[in-house]
PDB file of all heavy atoms in Angstrom:
ATOM      1  N   TYR A   1       6.546  -3.232   7.532  1.00  0.00           N
ATOM      2  CA  TYR A   1       6.922  -2.463   8.707  1.00  0.00           C
ATOM      3  C   TYR A   1       7.879  -3.226   9.649  1.00  0.00           C
ATOM      4  O   TYR A   1       8.350  -2.623  10.601  1.00  0.00           O
ATOM      5  CB  TYR A   1       5.764  -1.967   9.478  1.00  0.00           C
ATOM      6  CG  TYR A   1       4.917  -0.961   8.645  1.00  0.00           C
ATOM      7  CD1 TYR A   1       3.753  -1.365   8.018  1.00  0.00           C
ATOM      8  CD2 TYR A   1       5.366   0.322   8.526  1.00  0.00           C
ATOM      9  CE1 TYR A   1       3.044  -0.432   7.294  1.00  0.00           C
ATOM     10  CE2 TYR A   1       4.677   1.206   7.704  1.00  0.00           C
ATOM     11  CZ  TYR A   1       3.502   0.834   7.130  1.00  0.00           C
ATOM     12  OH  TYR A   1       2.806   1.710   6.368  1.00  0.00           O
ATOM     13  N   GLY A   2       8.084  -4.475   9.423  1.00  0.00           N
ATOM     14  CA  GLY A   2       8.942  -5.242  10.247  1.00  0.00           C
ATOM     15  C   GLY A   2       8.935  -6.720   9.892  1.00  0.00           C
ATOM     16  O   GLY A   2       8.254  -7.172   8.885  1.00  0.00           O
ATOM     17  N   ASP A   3       9.697  -7.466  10.627  1.00  0.00           N
ATOM     18  CA  ASP A   3       9.767  -8.954  10.383  1.00  0.00           C
ATOM     19  C   ASP A   3       8.681  -9.687  11.151  1.00  0.00           C
ATOM     20  O   ASP A   3       7.897  -9.072  11.892  1.00  0.00           O
ATOM     21  CB  ASP A   3      11.135  -9.411  10.791  1.00  0.00           C
ATOM     22  CG  ASP A   3      11.552 -10.719  10.137  1.00  0.00           C
ATOM     23  OD1 ASP A   3      10.884 -11.041   9.089  1.00  0.00           O
ATOM     24  OD2 ASP A   3      12.501 -11.332  10.576  1.00  0.00           O
ATOM     25  N   LYS A   4       8.666 -10.996  11.001  1.00  0.00           N
ATOM     26  CA  LYS A   4       7.720 -11.811  11.756  1.00  0.00           C
ATOM     27  C   LYS A   4       8.128 -11.865  13.214  1.00  0.00           C
ATOM     28  O   LYS A   4       9.304 -11.867  13.521  1.00  0.00           O
ATOM     29  CB  LYS A   4       7.669 -13.210  11.171  1.00  0.00           C
ATOM     30  CG  LYS A   4       7.237 -13.294   9.716  1.00  0.00           C
ATOM     31  CD  LYS A   4       7.342 -14.709   9.271  1.00  0.00           C
ATOM     32  CE  LYS A   4       7.128 -14.817   7.789  1.00  0.00           C
ATOM     33  NZ  LYS A   4       7.295 -16.145   7.310  1.00  0.00           N
ATOM     34  N   PHE A   5       7.148 -11.958  14.083  1.00  0.00           N
ATOM     35  CA  PHE A   5       7.429 -12.269  15.493  1.00  0.00           C
ATOM     36  C   PHE A   5       6.335 -13.153  16.052  1.00  0.00           C
ATOM     37  O   PHE A   5       5.220 -13.221  15.501  1.00  0.00           O
ATOM     38  CB  PHE A   5       7.679 -11.023  16.316  1.00  0.00           C
ATOM     39  CG  PHE A   5       6.490 -10.145  16.462  1.00  0.00           C
ATOM     40  CD1 PHE A   5       5.667 -10.272  17.600  1.00  0.00           C
ATOM     41  CD2 PHE A   5       6.167  -9.147  15.554  1.00  0.00           C
ATOM     42  CE1 PHE A   5       4.535  -9.453  17.760  1.00  0.00           C
ATOM     43  CE2 PHE A   5       5.070  -8.330  15.740  1.00  0.00           C
ATOM     44  CZ  PHE A   5       4.242  -8.498  16.848  1.00  0.00           C
ATOM     45  N   THR A   6       6.651 -13.847  17.099  1.00  0.00           N
ATOM     46  CA  THR A   6       5.729 -14.803  17.680  1.00  0.00           C
ATOM     47  C   THR A   6       5.271 -14.378  19.000  1.00  0.00           C
ATOM     48  O   THR A   6       6.050 -13.936  19.914  1.00  0.00           O
ATOM     49  CB  THR A   6       6.411 -16.207  17.770  1.00  0.00           C
ATOM     50  OG1 THR A   6       6.894 -16.513  16.507  1.00  0.00           O
ATOM     51  CG2 THR A   6       5.397 -17.204  18.283  1.00  0.00           C
ATOM     52  N   VAL A   7       3.933 -14.367  19.243  1.00  0.00           N
ATOM     53  CA  VAL A   7       3.320 -14.021  20.531  1.00  0.00           C
ATOM     54  C   VAL A   7       2.389 -15.143  20.893  1.00  0.00           C
ATOM     55  O   VAL A   7       1.445 -15.486  20.207  1.00  0.00           O
ATOM     56  CB  VAL A   7       2.537 -12.741  20.425  1.00  0.00           C
ATOM     57  CG1 VAL A   7       1.803 -12.380  21.737  1.00  0.00           C
ATOM     58  CG2 VAL A   7       3.408 -11.545  19.977  1.00  0.00           C
ATOM     59  N   PHE A   8       2.695 -15.786  22.031  1.00  0.00           N
ATOM     60  CA  PHE A   8       1.875 -16.920  22.564  1.00  0.00           C
ATOM     61  C   PHE A   8       1.719 -17.977  21.535  1.00  0.00           C
ATOM     62  O   PHE A   8       0.628 -18.526  21.343  1.00  0.00           O
ATOM     63  CB  PHE A   8       0.540 -16.455  23.071  1.00  0.00           C
ATOM     64  CG  PHE A   8       0.667 -15.446  24.215  1.00  0.00           C
ATOM     65  CD1 PHE A   8       0.199 -14.178  24.046  1.00  0.00           C
ATOM     66  CD2 PHE A   8       1.219 -15.770  25.410  1.00  0.00           C
ATOM     67  CE1 PHE A   8       0.227 -13.239  25.019  1.00  0.00           C
ATOM     68  CE2 PHE A   8       1.348 -14.834  26.415  1.00  0.00           C
ATOM     69  CZ  PHE A   8       0.837 -13.602  26.242  1.00  0.00           C
ATOM     70  N   GLY A   9       2.759 -18.296  20.769  1.00  0.00           N
ATOM     71  CA  GLY A   9       2.697 -19.377  19.776  1.00  0.00           C
ATOM     72  C   GLY A   9       2.100 -19.037  18.415  1.00  0.00           C
ATOM     73  O   GLY A   9       1.942 -19.817  17.543  1.00  0.00           O
ATOM     74  N   ARG A  10       1.690 -17.774  18.292  1.00  0.00           N
ATOM     75  CA  ARG A  10       1.018 -17.301  17.049  1.00  0.00           C
ATOM     76  C   ARG A  10       2.021 -16.360  16.319  1.00  0.00           C
ATOM     77  O   ARG A  10       2.532 -15.415  16.919  1.00  0.00           O
ATOM     78  CB  ARG A  10      -0.211 -16.582  17.374  1.00  0.00           C
ATOM     79  CG  ARG A  10      -0.997 -16.155  16.130  1.00  0.00           C
ATOM     80  CD  ARG A  10      -2.363 -15.652  16.495  1.00  0.00           C
ATOM     81  NE  ARG A  10      -3.015 -15.300  15.251  1.00  0.00           N
ATOM     82  CZ  ARG A  10      -4.140 -14.581  15.176  1.00  0.00           C
ATOM     83  NH1 ARG A  10      -4.718 -14.226  16.352  1.00  0.00           N
ATOM     84  NH2 ARG A  10      -4.663 -14.287  14.103  1.00  0.00           N
ATOM     85  N   THR A  11       2.285 -16.603  15.020  1.00  0.00           N
ATOM     86  CA  THR A  11       3.145 -15.819  14.255  1.00  0.00           C
ATOM     87  C   THR A  11       2.424 -14.646  13.682  1.00  0.00           C
ATOM     88  O   THR A  11       1.345 -14.779  13.052  1.00  0.00           O
ATOM     89  CB  THR A  11       3.775 -16.591  13.067  1.00  0.00           C
ATOM     90  OG1 THR A  11       4.414 -17.722  13.625  1.00  0.00           O
ATOM     91  CG2 THR A  11       4.750 -15.763  12.308  1.00  0.00           C
ATOM     92  N   ILE A  12       2.985 -13.434  13.856  1.00  0.00           N
ATOM     93  CA  ILE A  12       2.354 -12.143  13.398  1.00  0.00           C
ATOM     94  C   ILE A  12       3.344 -11.504  12.443  1.00  0.00           C
ATOM     95  O   ILE A  12       4.520 -11.311  12.765  1.00  0.00           O
ATOM     96  CB  ILE A  12       2.033 -11.223  14.550  1.00  0.00           C
ATOM     97  CG1 ILE A  12       1.031 -11.896  15.505  1.00  0.00           C
ATOM     98  CG2 ILE A  12       1.526  -9.863  14.050  1.00  0.00           C
ATOM     99  CD1 ILE A  12       0.731 -11.091  16.749  1.00  0.00           C
ATOM    100  N   GLU A  13       2.868 -11.139  11.251  1.00  0.00           N
ATOM    101  CA  GLU A  13       3.663 -10.470  10.262  1.00  0.00           C
ATOM    102  C   GLU A  13       3.326  -9.037  10.220  1.00  0.00           C
ATOM    103  O   GLU A  13       2.130  -8.687  10.308  1.00  0.00           O
ATOM    104  CB  GLU A  13       3.442 -11.126   8.888  1.00  0.00           C
ATOM    105  CG  GLU A  13       3.858 -12.581   8.801  1.00  0.00           C
ATOM    106  CD  GLU A  13       3.617 -13.203   7.513  1.00  0.00           C
ATOM    107  OE1 GLU A  13       3.160 -12.474   6.571  1.00  0.00           O
ATOM    108  OE2 GLU A  13       3.851 -14.392   7.327  1.00  0.00           O
ATOM    109  N   LEU A  14       4.312  -8.153  10.152  1.00  0.00           N
ATOM    110  CA  LEU A  14       4.063  -6.720  10.248  1.00  0.00           C
ATOM    111  C   LEU A  14       3.969  -6.088   8.851  1.00  0.00           C
ATOM    112  O   LEU A  14       4.652  -5.100   8.493  1.00  0.00           O
ATOM    113  CB  LEU A  14       5.154  -6.035  11.056  1.00  0.00           C
ATOM    114  CG  LEU A  14       5.194  -6.388  12.503  1.00  0.00           C
ATOM    115  CD1 LEU A  14       6.372  -5.666  13.190  1.00  0.00           C
ATOM    116  CD2 LEU A  14       3.874  -5.970  13.170  1.00  0.00           C
ATOM    117  N   HIS A  15       3.127  -6.633   7.998  1.00  0.00           N
ATOM    118  CA  HIS A  15       2.740  -6.014   6.752  1.00  0.00           C
ATOM    119  C   HIS A  15       1.363  -6.481   6.370  1.00  0.00           C
ATOM    120  O   HIS A  15       0.897  -7.493   6.784  1.00  0.00           O
ATOM    121  CB  HIS A  15       3.794  -6.333   5.647  1.00  0.00           C
ATOM    122  CG  HIS A  15       3.971  -7.817   5.416  1.00  0.00           C
ATOM    123  ND1 HIS A  15       4.804  -8.534   6.166  1.00  0.00           N
ATOM    124  CD2 HIS A  15       3.454  -8.597   4.438  1.00  0.00           C
ATOM    125  CE1 HIS A  15       4.778  -9.791   5.690  1.00  0.00           C
ATOM    126  NE2 HIS A  15       3.967  -9.839   4.652  1.00  0.00           N
ATOM    127  N   VAL A  16       0.719  -5.689   5.538  1.00  0.00           N
ATOM    128  CA  VAL A  16      -0.688  -5.957   5.202  1.00  0.00           C
ATOM    129  C   VAL A  16      -0.836  -7.049   4.184  1.00  0.00           C
ATOM    130  O   VAL A  16      -1.664  -7.940   4.277  1.00  0.00           O
ATOM    131  CB  VAL A  16      -1.369  -4.678   4.739  1.00  0.00           C
ATOM    132  CG1 VAL A  16      -2.810  -4.940   4.310  1.00  0.00           C
ATOM    133  CG2 VAL A  16      -1.325  -3.602   5.830  1.00  0.00           C
ATOM    134  N   THR A  17       0.041  -7.005   3.131  1.00  0.00           N
ATOM    135  CA  THR A  17      -0.133  -7.934   2.036  1.00  0.00           C
ATOM    136  C   THR A  17       1.224  -8.380   1.490  1.00  0.00           C
ATOM    137  O   THR A  17       2.247  -7.630   1.636  1.00  0.00           O
ATOM    138  CB  THR A  17      -0.934  -7.276   0.919  1.00  0.00           C
ATOM    139  OG1 THR A  17      -1.151  -8.254  -0.131  1.00  0.00           O
ATOM    140  CG2 THR A  17      -0.295  -6.074   0.336  1.00  0.00           C
ATOM    141  N   HIS A  18       1.263  -9.540   0.895  1.00  0.00           N
ATOM    142  CA  HIS A  18       2.404  -9.986   0.111  1.00  0.00           C
ATOM    143  C   HIS A  18       2.160  -9.640  -1.370  1.00  0.00           C
ATOM    144  O   HIS A  18       1.291 -10.224  -1.971  1.00  0.00           O
ATOM    145  CB  HIS A  18       2.600 -11.528   0.217  1.00  0.00           C
ATOM    146  CG  HIS A  18       2.880 -12.023   1.590  1.00  0.00           C
ATOM    147  ND1 HIS A  18       4.090 -11.853   2.127  1.00  0.00           N
ATOM    148  CD2 HIS A  18       2.102 -12.641   2.458  1.00  0.00           C
ATOM    149  CE1 HIS A  18       4.090 -12.419   3.346  1.00  0.00           C
ATOM    150  NE2 HIS A  18       2.867 -12.839   3.605  1.00  0.00           N
ATOM    151  N   MET A  19       2.888  -8.671  -1.797  1.00  0.00           N
ATOM    152  CA  MET A  19       2.592  -8.244  -3.231  1.00  0.00           C
ATOM    153  C   MET A  19       3.932  -8.188  -3.956  1.00  0.00           C
ATOM    154  O   MET A  19       4.856  -7.458  -3.578  1.00  0.00           O
ATOM    155  CB  MET A  19       1.922  -6.878  -3.239  1.00  0.00           C
ATOM    156  CG  MET A  19       1.404  -6.508  -4.547  1.00  0.00           C
ATOM    157  SD  MET A  19       0.468  -4.985  -4.586  1.00  0.00           S
ATOM    158  CE  MET A  19      -1.011  -5.427  -3.736  1.00  0.00           C
ATOM    159  N   ASN A  20       4.064  -8.979  -5.018  1.00  0.00           N
ATOM    160  CA  ASN A  20       5.269  -9.050  -5.833  1.00  0.00           C
ATOM    161  C   ASN A  20       5.460  -7.835  -6.728  1.00  0.00           C
ATOM    162  O   ASN A  20       6.507  -7.570  -7.132  1.00  0.00           O
ATOM    163  CB  ASN A  20       5.303 -10.326  -6.666  1.00  0.00           C
ATOM    164  CG  ASN A  20       5.398 -11.575  -5.782  1.00  0.00           C
ATOM    165  OD1 ASN A  20       5.923 -11.521  -4.702  1.00  0.00           O
ATOM    166  ND2 ASN A  20       4.843 -12.615  -6.310  1.00  0.00           N
ATOM    167  N   VAL A  21       4.340  -7.129  -6.982  1.00  0.00           N
ATOM    168  CA  VAL A  21       4.410  -5.977  -7.855  1.00  0.00           C
ATOM    169  C   VAL A  21       4.166  -4.694  -7.021  1.00  0.00           C
ATOM    170  O   VAL A  21       3.407  -3.857  -7.470  1.00  0.00           O
ATOM    171  CB  VAL A  21       3.380  -6.148  -9.039  1.00  0.00           C
ATOM    172  CG1 VAL A  21       3.796  -7.158 -10.017  1.00  0.00           C
ATOM    173  CG2 VAL A  21       2.003  -6.401  -8.499  1.00  0.00           C
ATOM    174  N   GLY A  22       4.716  -4.584  -5.874  1.00  0.00           N
ATOM    175  CA  GLY A  22       4.530  -3.499  -4.972  1.00  0.00           C
ATOM    176  C   GLY A  22       4.829  -2.152  -5.552  1.00  0.00           C
ATOM    177  O   GLY A  22       4.150  -1.213  -5.413  1.00  0.00           O
ATOM    178  N   LEU A  23       6.013  -2.093  -6.266  1.00  0.00           N
ATOM    179  CA  LEU A  23       6.439  -0.792  -6.845  1.00  0.00           C
ATOM    180  C   LEU A  23       5.476  -0.352  -7.973  1.00  0.00           C
ATOM    181  O   LEU A  23       5.082   0.824  -8.065  1.00  0.00           O
ATOM    182  CB  LEU A  23       7.839  -0.916  -7.425  1.00  0.00           C
ATOM    183  CG  LEU A  23       8.372   0.389  -8.000  1.00  0.00           C
ATOM    184  CD1 LEU A  23       8.426   1.473  -6.969  1.00  0.00           C
ATOM    185  CD2 LEU A  23       9.781   0.100  -8.606  1.00  0.00           C
ATOM    186  N   LEU A  24       5.022  -1.302  -8.772  1.00  0.00           N
ATOM    187  CA  LEU A  24       4.065  -1.001  -9.812  1.00  0.00           C
ATOM    188  C   LEU A  24       2.745  -0.532  -9.218  1.00  0.00           C
ATOM    189  O   LEU A  24       2.120   0.403  -9.734  1.00  0.00           O
ATOM    190  CB  LEU A  24       3.825  -2.240 -10.709  1.00  0.00           C
ATOM    191  CG  LEU A  24       2.874  -2.022 -11.889  1.00  0.00           C
ATOM    192  CD1 LEU A  24       3.470  -1.049 -12.889  1.00  0.00           C
ATOM    193  CD2 LEU A  24       2.694  -3.368 -12.561  1.00  0.00           C
ATOM    194  N   TYR A  25       2.321  -1.145  -8.119  1.00  0.00           N
ATOM    195  CA  TYR A  25       1.098  -0.784  -7.429  1.00  0.00           C
ATOM    196  C   TYR A  25       1.182   0.637  -6.907  1.00  0.00           C
ATOM    197  O   TYR A  25       0.263   1.467  -7.034  1.00  0.00           O
ATOM    198  CB  TYR A  25       0.893  -1.766  -6.290  1.00  0.00           C
ATOM    199  CG  TYR A  25      -0.317  -1.481  -5.378  1.00  0.00           C
ATOM    200  CD1 TYR A  25      -1.529  -1.817  -5.780  1.00  0.00           C
ATOM    201  CD2 TYR A  25      -0.135  -0.838  -4.134  1.00  0.00           C
ATOM    202  CE1 TYR A  25      -2.679  -1.539  -4.981  1.00  0.00           C
ATOM    203  CE2 TYR A  25      -1.199  -0.624  -3.367  1.00  0.00           C
ATOM    204  CZ  TYR A  25      -2.470  -0.967  -3.765  1.00  0.00           C
ATOM    205  OH  TYR A  25      -3.539  -0.713  -2.916  1.00  0.00           O
ATOM    206  N   VAL A  26       2.335   0.987  -6.325  1.00  0.00           N
ATOM    207  CA  VAL A  26       2.522   2.350  -5.739  1.00  0.00           C
ATOM    208  C   VAL A  26       2.510   3.378  -6.878  1.00  0.00           C
ATOM    209  O   VAL A  26       1.874   4.454  -6.809  1.00  0.00           O
ATOM    210  CB  VAL A  26       3.858   2.455  -4.965  1.00  0.00           C
ATOM    211  CG1 VAL A  26       4.211   3.851  -4.646  1.00  0.00           C
ATOM    212  CG2 VAL A  26       3.728   1.644  -3.702  1.00  0.00           C
ATOM    213  N   LEU A  27       3.168   3.075  -8.014  1.00  0.00           N
ATOM    214  CA  LEU A  27       3.213   4.013  -9.118  1.00  0.00           C
ATOM    215  C   LEU A  27       1.809   4.185  -9.747  1.00  0.00           C
ATOM    216  O   LEU A  27       1.390   5.309 -10.118  1.00  0.00           O
ATOM    217  CB  LEU A  27       4.156   3.545 -10.208  1.00  0.00           C
ATOM    218  CG  LEU A  27       5.649   3.621  -9.825  1.00  0.00           C
ATOM    219  CD1 LEU A  27       6.523   3.017 -10.924  1.00  0.00           C
ATOM    220  CD2 LEU A  27       6.030   5.057  -9.566  1.00  0.00           C
ATOM    221  N   ALA A  28       1.044   3.122  -9.806  1.00  0.00           N
ATOM    222  CA  ALA A  28      -0.322   3.215 -10.354  1.00  0.00           C
ATOM    223  C   ALA A  28      -1.195   4.025  -9.447  1.00  0.00           C
ATOM    224  O   ALA A  28      -1.984   4.886  -9.975  1.00  0.00           O
ATOM    225  CB  ALA A  28      -0.923   1.794 -10.563  1.00  0.00           C
ATOM    226  N   LEU A  29      -1.128   3.840  -8.155  1.00  0.00           N
ATOM    227  CA  LEU A  29      -2.017   4.590  -7.270  1.00  0.00           C
ATOM    228  C   LEU A  29      -1.650   6.032  -7.153  1.00  0.00           C
ATOM    229  O   LEU A  29      -2.503   6.931  -7.058  1.00  0.00           O
ATOM    230  CB  LEU A  29      -2.013   3.949  -5.858  1.00  0.00           C
ATOM    231  CG  LEU A  29      -2.889   2.768  -5.706  1.00  0.00           C
ATOM    232  CD1 LEU A  29      -2.760   2.207  -4.312  1.00  0.00           C
ATOM    233  CD2 LEU A  29      -4.339   3.067  -6.036  1.00  0.00           C
ATOM    234  N   THR A  30      -0.374   6.387  -7.244  1.00  0.00           N
ATOM    235  CA  THR A  30       0.027   7.756  -7.189  1.00  0.00           C
ATOM    236  C   THR A  30      -0.371   8.476  -8.474  1.00  0.00           C
ATOM    237  O   THR A  30      -0.625   9.667  -8.466  1.00  0.00           O
ATOM    238  CB  THR A  30       1.538   7.940  -6.978  1.00  0.00           C
ATOM    239  OG1 THR A  30       2.274   7.185  -7.927  1.00  0.00           O
ATOM    240  CG2 THR A  30       1.904   7.457  -5.554  1.00  0.00           C
ATOM    241  N   SER A  31      -0.438   7.787  -9.625  1.00  0.00           N
ATOM    242  CA  SER A  31      -0.889   8.416 -10.857  1.00  0.00           C
ATOM    243  C   SER A  31      -2.419   8.714 -10.776  1.00  0.00           C
ATOM    244  O   SER A  31      -2.912   9.610 -11.365  1.00  0.00           O
ATOM    245  CB  SER A  31      -0.522   7.591 -12.027  1.00  0.00           C
ATOM    246  OG  SER A  31      -1.275   6.374 -12.035  1.00  0.00           O
ATOM    247  N   VAL A  32      -3.151   7.874 -10.035  1.00  0.00           N
ATOM    248  CA  VAL A  32      -4.601   8.087  -9.902  1.00  0.00           C
ATOM    249  C   VAL A  32      -4.830   9.362  -9.029  1.00  0.00           C
ATOM    250  O   VAL A  32      -5.838  10.039  -9.216  1.00  0.00           O
ATOM    251  CB  VAL A  32      -5.242   6.797  -9.240  1.00  0.00           C
ATOM    252  CG1 VAL A  32      -6.664   7.133  -8.841  1.00  0.00           C
ATOM    253  CG2 VAL A  32      -5.214   5.677 -10.277  1.00  0.00           C
ATOM    254  N   GLY A  33      -3.935   9.625  -8.079  1.00  0.00           N
ATOM    255  CA  GLY A  33      -4.099  10.851  -7.285  1.00  0.00           C
ATOM    256  C   GLY A  33      -4.156  12.121  -7.981  1.00  0.00           C
ATOM    257  O   GLY A  33      -4.728  13.116  -7.533  1.00  0.00           O
ATOM    258  N   VAL A  34      -3.594  12.171  -9.196  1.00  0.00           N
ATOM    259  CA  VAL A  34      -3.593  13.398 -10.001  1.00  0.00           C
ATOM    260  C   VAL A  34      -4.998  13.727 -10.415  1.00  0.00           C
ATOM    261  O   VAL A  34      -5.335  14.904 -10.623  1.00  0.00           O
ATOM    262  CB  VAL A  34      -2.641  13.251 -11.193  1.00  0.00           C
ATOM    263  CG1 VAL A  34      -2.740  14.393 -12.138  1.00  0.00           C
ATOM    264  CG2 VAL A  34      -1.251  12.988 -10.715  1.00  0.00           C
ATOM    265  N   TYR A  35      -5.841  12.738 -10.662  1.00  0.00           N
ATOM    266  CA  TYR A  35      -7.217  12.966 -11.089  1.00  0.00           C
ATOM    267  C   TYR A  35      -8.000  13.778 -10.028  1.00  0.00           C
ATOM    268  O   TYR A  35      -8.898  14.567 -10.446  1.00  0.00           O
ATOM    269  CB  TYR A  35      -7.941  11.648 -11.358  1.00  0.00           C
ATOM    270  CG  TYR A  35      -7.429  10.977 -12.576  1.00  0.00           C
ATOM    271  CD1 TYR A  35      -6.841   9.700 -12.523  1.00  0.00           C
ATOM    272  CD2 TYR A  35      -7.583  11.555 -13.872  1.00  0.00           C
ATOM    273  CE1 TYR A  35      -6.391   9.073 -13.667  1.00  0.00           C
ATOM    274  CE2 TYR A  35      -7.119  10.948 -14.986  1.00  0.00           C
ATOM    275  CZ  TYR A  35      -6.563   9.696 -14.877  1.00  0.00           C
ATOM    276  OH  TYR A  35      -6.119   9.060 -16.020  1.00  0.00           O
ATOM    277  N   GLY A  36      -7.690  13.642  -8.782  1.00  0.00           N
ATOM    278  CA  GLY A  36      -8.340  14.495  -7.806  1.00  0.00           C
ATOM    279  C   GLY A  36      -8.080  15.941  -7.936  1.00  0.00           C
ATOM    280  O   GLY A  36      -8.927  16.810  -7.759  1.00  0.00           O
ATOM    281  N   ILE A  37      -6.832  16.262  -8.299  1.00  0.00           N
ATOM    282  CA  ILE A  37      -6.430  17.670  -8.553  1.00  0.00           C
ATOM    283  C   ILE A  37      -7.155  18.220  -9.735  1.00  0.00           C
ATOM    284  O   ILE A  37      -7.707  19.352  -9.746  1.00  0.00           O
ATOM    285  CB  ILE A  37      -4.920  17.825  -8.701  1.00  0.00           C
ATOM    286  CG1 ILE A  37      -4.251  17.338  -7.408  1.00  0.00           C
ATOM    287  CG2 ILE A  37      -4.513  19.225  -9.029  1.00  0.00           C
ATOM    288  CD1 ILE A  37      -2.745  17.143  -7.549  1.00  0.00           C
ATOM    289  N   VAL A  38      -7.230  17.487 -10.847  1.00  0.00           N
ATOM    290  CA  VAL A  38      -7.932  17.936 -12.037  1.00  0.00           C
ATOM    291  C   VAL A  38      -9.415  18.061 -11.787  1.00  0.00           C
ATOM    292  O   VAL A  38     -10.069  19.011 -12.221  1.00  0.00           O
ATOM    293  CB  VAL A  38      -7.634  16.946 -13.209  1.00  0.00           C
ATOM    294  CG1 VAL A  38      -8.471  17.273 -14.384  1.00  0.00           C
ATOM    295  CG2 VAL A  38      -6.179  16.981 -13.561  1.00  0.00           C
ATOM    296  N   LEU A  39      -9.974  17.101 -11.025  1.00  0.00           N
ATOM    297  CA  LEU A  39     -11.429  17.142 -10.745  1.00  0.00           C
ATOM    298  C   LEU A  39     -11.759  18.333  -9.860  1.00  0.00           C
ATOM    299  O   LEU A  39     -12.846  18.937 -10.035  1.00  0.00           O
ATOM    300  CB  LEU A  39     -11.820  15.865 -10.029  1.00  0.00           C
ATOM    301  CG  LEU A  39     -13.334  15.673  -9.739  1.00  0.00           C
ATOM    302  CD1 LEU A  39     -14.096  15.648 -11.072  1.00  0.00           C
ATOM    303  CD2 LEU A  39     -13.559  14.439  -8.944  1.00  0.00           C
ATOM    304  N   ALA A  40     -10.866  18.698  -8.930  1.00  0.00           N
ATOM    305  CA  ALA A  40     -11.130  19.907  -8.051  1.00  0.00           C
ATOM    306  C   ALA A  40     -11.201  21.180  -8.970  1.00  0.00           C
ATOM    307  O   ALA A  40     -12.058  22.019  -8.749  1.00  0.00           O
ATOM    308  CB  ALA A  40     -10.029  20.024  -7.037  1.00  0.00           C
ATOM    309  N   GLY A  41     -10.313  21.309  -9.928  1.00  0.00           N
ATOM    310  CA  GLY A  41     -10.344  22.461 -10.801  1.00  0.00           C
ATOM    311  C   GLY A  41     -11.561  22.470 -11.706  1.00  0.00           C
ATOM    312  O   GLY A  41     -12.183  23.495 -11.918  1.00  0.00           O
ATOM    313  N   TRP A  42     -11.900  21.333 -12.250  1.00  0.00           N
ATOM    314  CA  TRP A  42     -13.035  21.231 -13.145  1.00  0.00           C
ATOM    315  C   TRP A  42     -14.354  21.446 -12.437  1.00  0.00           C
ATOM    316  O   TRP A  42     -15.196  22.117 -12.977  1.00  0.00           O
ATOM    317  CB  TRP A  42     -12.989  19.876 -13.858  1.00  0.00           C
ATOM    318  CG  TRP A  42     -14.068  19.670 -14.806  1.00  0.00           C
ATOM    319  CD1 TRP A  42     -14.267  20.345 -15.964  1.00  0.00           C
ATOM    320  CD2 TRP A  42     -15.165  18.740 -14.707  1.00  0.00           C
ATOM    321  NE1 TRP A  42     -15.400  19.913 -16.595  1.00  0.00           N
ATOM    322  CE2 TRP A  42     -15.962  18.887 -15.827  1.00  0.00           C
ATOM    323  CE3 TRP A  42     -15.484  17.774 -13.731  1.00  0.00           C
ATOM    324  CZ2 TRP A  42     -17.071  18.144 -16.032  1.00  0.00           C
ATOM    325  CZ3 TRP A  42     -16.655  17.033 -13.964  1.00  0.00           C
ATOM    326  CH2 TRP A  42     -17.433  17.216 -15.106  1.00  0.00           C
ATOM    327  N   SER A  43     -14.472  20.960 -11.226  1.00  0.00           N
ATOM    328  CA  SER A  43     -15.754  21.068 -10.528  1.00  0.00           C
ATOM    329  C   SER A  43     -15.983  22.473  -9.957  1.00  0.00           C
ATOM    330  O   SER A  43     -17.092  22.876  -9.677  1.00  0.00           O
ATOM    331  CB  SER A  43     -15.774  20.055  -9.376  1.00  0.00           C
ATOM    332  OG  SER A  43     -14.859  20.429  -8.384  1.00  0.00           O
TER     333      SER A  43
END
C-alpha cells in the first residue's frame, strides 16, 4: 500500500508480508473461492 516511512525513529512498512510469489498466491486463493459457490448449491 506504500513505501517505508519513519516515525520517531521507527521504520514502518505499508504492507503485510514480503512474498515473492504474490501473484501465484492470489491466483491460488481466488480459485479456492469457487468452492464456496459450489458448496452453497450442494448444501
